[in-house]
Amino acid sequence: MVKTQQANGLQRVWTPKLKAKHVVHLFWRGVGAKNVEWVGDANGWQCGVTPYTREPTGWRLTLELPHGHHRYLVVVDGQPFLDPHSGGTVLDDDGNSYSVVAVS
């Protein structure tokens, strides 16, 4: 929806912007892990950029992601895993599986 506003003889056009939203991921499987990280489309698949925080019952991560579908993996002590709590999985052209989160 596009809105317009007249002010001082000038017309301003207002359009909705896609804003980032907070998404909370909980990863329980790595309770005994030493290091848990999130890698995916949103951080350029870089390790060491998006770590989870250890909590008594597992690991927790809060991300701010824009609208859309985002592929990712959870890296536990250097080994990539699909997230069992994700919104689903997708395959790339080479047959590799990724967890996916949808932000709307």
N, C-alpha and C. Protein backbone atom coordinates (compact mmCIF):
# COMPACT_ATOMS: atom_id res chain seq x y z
N MET A 1 0.83 -1.17 0.00
CA MET A 1 0.00 0.00 0.00
C MET A 1 0.88 1.24 0.00
N VAL A 2 0.65 2.15 -0.89
CA VAL A 2 1.42 3.38 -0.98
C VAL A 2 0.54 4.54 -0.55
N LYS A 3 1.05 5.35 0.36
CA LYS A 3 0.30 6.51 0.83
C LYS A 3 1.04 7.77 0.37
N THR A 4 0.29 8.80 0.10
CA THR A 4 0.89 10.07 -0.27
C THR A 4 0.43 11.14 0.71
N GLN A 5 1.26 12.15 0.86
CA GLN A 5 0.93 13.24 1.77
C GLN A 5 1.35 14.54 1.11
N GLN A 6 0.47 15.54 1.14
CA GLN A 6 0.77 16.87 0.60
C GLN A 6 1.25 17.75 1.74
N ALA A 7 2.36 18.41 1.56
CA ALA A 7 2.87 19.34 2.56
C ALA A 7 3.68 20.41 1.84
N ASN A 8 3.32 21.65 2.06
CA ASN A 8 4.02 22.78 1.46
C ASN A 8 4.15 22.65 -0.05
N GLY A 9 3.13 22.12 -0.69
CA GLY A 9 3.15 21.99 -2.14
C GLY A 9 3.97 20.81 -2.64
N LEU A 10 4.59 20.05 -1.75
CA LEU A 10 5.39 18.89 -2.14
C LEU A 10 4.62 17.62 -1.82
N GLN A 11 4.72 16.66 -2.67
CA GLN A 11 4.06 15.38 -2.43
C GLN A 11 5.11 14.38 -1.95
N ARG A 12 4.85 13.76 -0.80
CA ARG A 12 5.76 12.75 -0.26
C ARG A 12 5.09 11.40 -0.45
N VAL A 13 5.85 10.43 -0.84
CA VAL A 13 5.35 9.07 -1.02
C VAL A 13 5.86 8.23 0.13
N TRP A 14 4.94 7.55 0.80
CA TRP A 14 5.28 6.67 1.92
C TRP A 14 4.99 5.24 1.51
N THR A 15 5.98 4.38 1.62
CA THR A 15 5.78 2.97 1.30
C THR A 15 6.17 2.14 2.52
N PRO A 16 5.54 0.99 2.69
CA PRO A 16 5.92 0.13 3.80
C PRO A 16 7.33 -0.40 3.59
N LYS A 17 8.06 -0.49 4.66
CA LYS A 17 9.42 -1.03 4.58
C LYS A 17 9.46 -2.38 5.28
N LEU A 18 10.27 -3.26 4.76
CA LEU A 18 10.46 -4.55 5.42
C LEU A 18 11.41 -4.33 6.58
N LYS A 19 10.95 -4.62 7.76
CA LYS A 19 11.75 -4.41 8.95
C LYS A 19 12.19 -5.75 9.50
N ALA A 20 13.34 -5.74 10.16
CA ALA A 20 13.82 -6.96 10.78
C ALA A 20 12.97 -7.28 11.99
N LYS A 21 12.84 -8.56 12.28
CA LYS A 21 12.11 -9.02 13.45
C LYS A 21 13.03 -9.91 14.26
N HIS A 22 12.72 -10.02 15.53
CA HIS A 22 13.50 -10.91 16.38
C HIS A 22 12.97 -12.33 16.25
N VAL A 23 13.88 -13.26 16.14
CA VAL A 23 13.54 -14.67 16.08
C VAL A 23 14.36 -15.37 17.16
N VAL A 24 13.73 -16.14 17.97
CA VAL A 24 14.44 -16.86 19.03
C VAL A 24 14.58 -18.32 18.63
N HIS A 25 15.79 -18.83 18.67
CA HIS A 25 16.06 -20.25 18.40
C HIS A 25 16.52 -20.89 19.70
N LEU A 26 15.97 -22.03 20.00
CA LEU A 26 16.43 -22.81 21.14
C LEU A 26 17.01 -24.10 20.60
N PHE A 27 18.20 -24.45 21.02
CA PHE A 27 18.83 -25.68 20.57
C PHE A 27 19.17 -26.51 21.79
N TRP A 28 18.45 -27.59 21.99
CA TRP A 28 18.59 -28.37 23.21
C TRP A 28 19.60 -29.49 23.11
N ARG A 29 19.87 -29.99 21.90
CA ARG A 29 20.70 -31.18 21.72
C ARG A 29 22.14 -30.98 22.19
N GLY A 30 22.62 -29.77 22.17
CA GLY A 30 24.02 -29.52 22.52
C GLY A 30 24.27 -29.24 23.98
N VAL A 31 23.48 -29.83 24.89
CA VAL A 31 23.63 -29.54 26.31
C VAL A 31 25.05 -29.80 26.79
N GLY A 32 25.68 -30.87 26.33
CA GLY A 32 27.04 -31.19 26.75
C GLY A 32 28.12 -30.58 25.87
N ALA A 33 27.74 -29.75 24.94
CA ALA A 33 28.69 -29.15 23.99
C ALA A 33 29.51 -28.06 24.66
N LYS A 34 30.66 -27.79 24.07
CA LYS A 34 31.53 -26.70 24.53
C LYS A 34 31.27 -25.42 23.77
N ASN A 35 30.82 -25.55 22.51
CA ASN A 35 30.60 -24.38 21.66
C ASN A 35 29.46 -24.68 20.69
N VAL A 36 28.50 -23.76 20.60
CA VAL A 36 27.38 -23.89 19.66
C VAL A 36 27.26 -22.57 18.91
N GLU A 37 27.19 -22.65 17.58
CA GLU A 37 27.11 -21.46 16.73
C GLU A 37 26.01 -21.62 15.70
N TRP A 38 25.55 -20.50 15.17
CA TRP A 38 24.56 -20.46 14.10
C TRP A 38 25.29 -19.94 12.87
N VAL A 39 25.17 -20.66 11.74
CA VAL A 39 25.72 -20.18 10.47
C VAL A 39 24.62 -20.28 9.42
N GLY A 40 24.54 -19.27 8.57
CA GLY A 40 23.49 -19.30 7.56
C GLY A 40 23.57 -18.14 6.60
N ASP A 41 22.53 -18.02 5.80
CA ASP A 41 22.45 -16.95 4.81
C ASP A 41 22.64 -15.58 5.45
N ALA A 42 22.06 -15.39 6.64
CA ALA A 42 22.04 -14.07 7.26
C ALA A 42 23.40 -13.61 7.77
N ASN A 43 24.33 -14.52 8.02
CA ASN A 43 25.66 -14.09 8.48
C ASN A 43 26.77 -14.52 7.52
N GLY A 44 26.39 -14.78 6.28
CA GLY A 44 27.39 -15.14 5.27
C GLY A 44 28.05 -16.48 5.50
N TRP A 45 27.41 -17.35 6.26
CA TRP A 45 27.93 -18.69 6.55
C TRP A 45 29.28 -18.63 7.26
N GLN A 46 29.46 -17.62 8.11
CA GLN A 46 30.72 -17.45 8.81
C GLN A 46 30.64 -18.00 10.23
N CYS A 47 31.58 -18.87 10.56
CA CYS A 47 31.69 -19.36 11.94
C CYS A 47 32.30 -18.28 12.82
N GLY A 48 31.99 -18.32 14.09
CA GLY A 48 32.55 -17.37 15.04
C GLY A 48 31.83 -16.04 15.10
N VAL A 49 30.76 -15.88 14.33
CA VAL A 49 30.06 -14.60 14.27
C VAL A 49 28.77 -14.61 15.10
N THR A 50 28.09 -15.76 15.17
CA THR A 50 26.77 -15.83 15.80
C THR A 50 26.72 -17.00 16.78
N PRO A 51 27.32 -16.82 17.97
CA PRO A 51 27.33 -17.91 18.95
C PRO A 51 26.03 -17.98 19.76
N TYR A 52 25.68 -19.19 20.17
CA TYR A 52 24.60 -19.40 21.12
C TYR A 52 25.13 -19.12 22.53
N THR A 53 24.23 -18.88 23.47
CA THR A 53 24.59 -18.68 24.87
C THR A 53 24.18 -19.92 25.66
N ARG A 54 25.09 -20.38 26.51
CA ARG A 54 24.80 -21.57 27.33
C ARG A 54 23.81 -21.20 28.44
N GLU A 55 22.82 -22.05 28.62
CA GLU A 55 21.86 -21.93 29.71
C GLU A 55 21.78 -23.28 30.40
N PRO A 56 21.19 -23.36 31.58
CA PRO A 56 21.16 -24.63 32.31
C PRO A 56 20.54 -25.79 31.54
N THR A 57 19.58 -25.52 30.67
CA THR A 57 18.89 -26.60 29.96
C THR A 57 19.33 -26.74 28.51
N GLY A 58 20.32 -25.98 28.08
CA GLY A 58 20.77 -26.07 26.69
C GLY A 58 21.42 -24.78 26.24
N TRP A 59 21.19 -24.43 25.00
CA TRP A 59 21.80 -23.24 24.39
C TRP A 59 20.71 -22.37 23.80
N ARG A 60 20.90 -21.06 23.84
CA ARG A 60 19.88 -20.11 23.38
C ARG A 60 20.53 -19.06 22.48
N LEU A 61 19.77 -18.66 21.46
CA LEU A 61 20.22 -17.62 20.54
C LEU A 61 19.04 -16.76 20.13
N THR A 62 19.23 -15.45 20.16
CA THR A 62 18.23 -14.52 19.66
C THR A 62 18.84 -13.82 18.45
N LEU A 63 18.14 -13.91 17.32
CA LEU A 63 18.60 -13.29 16.08
C LEU A 63 17.61 -12.25 15.61
N GLU A 64 18.11 -11.24 14.93
CA GLU A 64 17.25 -10.29 14.25
C GLU A 64 17.40 -10.55 12.76
N LEU A 65 16.32 -11.01 12.14
CA LEU A 65 16.34 -11.39 10.73
C LEU A 65 15.28 -10.62 9.96
N PRO A 66 15.56 -10.28 8.70
CA PRO A 66 14.53 -9.63 7.87
C PRO A 66 13.50 -10.65 7.41
N HIS A 67 12.40 -10.12 6.89
CA HIS A 67 11.34 -10.98 6.35
C HIS A 67 11.90 -11.91 5.28
N GLY A 68 11.36 -13.10 5.21
CA GLY A 68 11.77 -14.06 4.19
C GLY A 68 12.11 -15.41 4.80
N HIS A 69 12.68 -16.27 3.96
CA HIS A 69 13.12 -17.60 4.37
C HIS A 69 14.64 -17.60 4.44
N HIS A 70 15.17 -18.15 5.51
CA HIS A 70 16.62 -18.14 5.74
C HIS A 70 17.11 -19.56 6.00
N ARG A 71 18.12 -19.98 5.21
CA ARG A 71 18.75 -21.29 5.41
C ARG A 71 19.83 -21.15 6.47
N TYR A 72 20.01 -22.23 7.27
CA TYR A 72 21.06 -22.19 8.29
C TYR A 72 21.38 -23.60 8.78
N LEU A 73 22.46 -23.68 9.53
CA LEU A 73 22.87 -24.90 10.23
C LEU A 73 23.30 -24.49 11.64
N VAL A 74 23.25 -25.43 12.57
CA VAL A 74 23.78 -25.23 13.91
C VAL A 74 25.10 -25.99 13.97
N VAL A 75 26.16 -25.31 14.36
CA VAL A 75 27.49 -25.92 14.43
C VAL A 75 27.81 -26.19 15.90
N VAL A 76 27.94 -27.47 16.25
CA VAL A 76 28.20 -27.90 17.61
C VAL A 76 29.61 -28.47 17.67
N ASP A 77 30.47 -27.80 18.42
CA ASP A 77 31.87 -28.21 18.54
C ASP A 77 32.49 -28.50 17.17
N GLY A 78 32.21 -27.63 16.21
CA GLY A 78 32.80 -27.73 14.88
C GLY A 78 32.06 -28.61 13.89
N GLN A 79 31.01 -29.30 14.32
CA GLN A 79 30.25 -30.19 13.44
C GLN A 79 28.88 -29.57 13.11
N PRO A 80 28.56 -29.42 11.82
CA PRO A 80 27.26 -28.84 11.45
C PRO A 80 26.12 -29.85 11.61
N PHE A 81 24.98 -29.35 12.09
CA PHE A 81 23.78 -30.17 12.28
C PHE A 81 22.56 -29.41 11.78
N LEU A 82 21.55 -30.16 11.36
CA LEU A 82 20.24 -29.57 11.13
C LEU A 82 19.62 -29.28 12.49
N ASP A 83 18.85 -28.21 12.58
CA ASP A 83 18.18 -27.85 13.82
C ASP A 83 16.87 -28.63 13.92
N PRO A 84 16.71 -29.51 14.92
CA PRO A 84 15.48 -30.29 15.03
C PRO A 84 14.25 -29.45 15.35
N HIS A 85 14.46 -28.19 15.75
CA HIS A 85 13.36 -27.29 16.09
C HIS A 85 13.07 -26.29 14.98
N SER A 86 13.67 -26.46 13.82
CA SER A 86 13.49 -25.50 12.73
C SER A 86 12.10 -25.61 12.11
N GLY A 87 11.78 -24.63 11.27
CA GLY A 87 10.49 -24.63 10.58
C GLY A 87 10.45 -25.58 9.41
N GLY A 88 11.54 -26.27 9.13
CA GLY A 88 11.60 -27.21 8.02
C GLY A 88 13.02 -27.31 7.50
N THR A 89 13.19 -28.08 6.43
CA THR A 89 14.48 -28.22 5.80
C THR A 89 14.35 -28.01 4.29
N VAL A 90 15.44 -27.61 3.67
CA VAL A 90 15.49 -27.44 2.23
C VAL A 90 16.76 -28.08 1.70
N LEU A 91 16.74 -28.44 0.43
CA LEU A 91 17.91 -28.99 -0.25
C LEU A 91 18.44 -27.97 -1.24
N ASP A 92 19.77 -27.87 -1.36
CA ASP A 92 20.33 -27.04 -2.41
C ASP A 92 20.51 -27.88 -3.68
N ASP A 93 21.05 -27.29 -4.73
CA ASP A 93 21.21 -27.98 -6.01
C ASP A 93 22.15 -29.18 -5.93
N ASP A 94 23.03 -29.20 -4.91
CA ASP A 94 23.96 -30.31 -4.74
C ASP A 94 23.43 -31.39 -3.80
N GLY A 95 22.20 -31.23 -3.30
CA GLY A 95 21.61 -32.22 -2.42
C GLY A 95 21.95 -32.03 -0.95
N ASN A 96 22.56 -30.90 -0.58
CA ASN A 96 22.88 -30.62 0.82
C ASN A 96 21.62 -30.12 1.53
N SER A 97 21.41 -30.59 2.75
CA SER A 97 20.23 -30.19 3.54
C SER A 97 20.57 -29.02 4.46
N TYR A 98 19.59 -28.12 4.62
CA TYR A 98 19.72 -26.97 5.51
C TYR A 98 18.42 -26.81 6.27
N SER A 99 18.54 -26.35 7.52
CA SER A 99 17.35 -25.94 8.26
C SER A 99 16.89 -24.62 7.67
N VAL A 100 15.60 -24.34 7.84
CA VAL A 100 15.06 -23.09 7.32
C VAL A 100 14.15 -22.46 8.36
N VAL A 101 14.23 -21.13 8.44
CA VAL A 101 13.33 -20.37 9.31
C VAL A 101 12.64 -19.34 8.43
N ALA A 102 11.32 -19.23 8.61
CA ALA A 102 10.53 -18.23 7.88
C ALA A 102 10.19 -17.08 8.81
N VAL A 103 10.47 -15.88 8.38
CA VAL A 103 10.16 -14.68 9.16
C VAL A 103 9.13 -13.88 8.39
N SER A 104 7.98 -13.62 9.02
CA SER A 104 6.94 -12.86 8.32
C SER A 104 6.47 -11.69 9.15
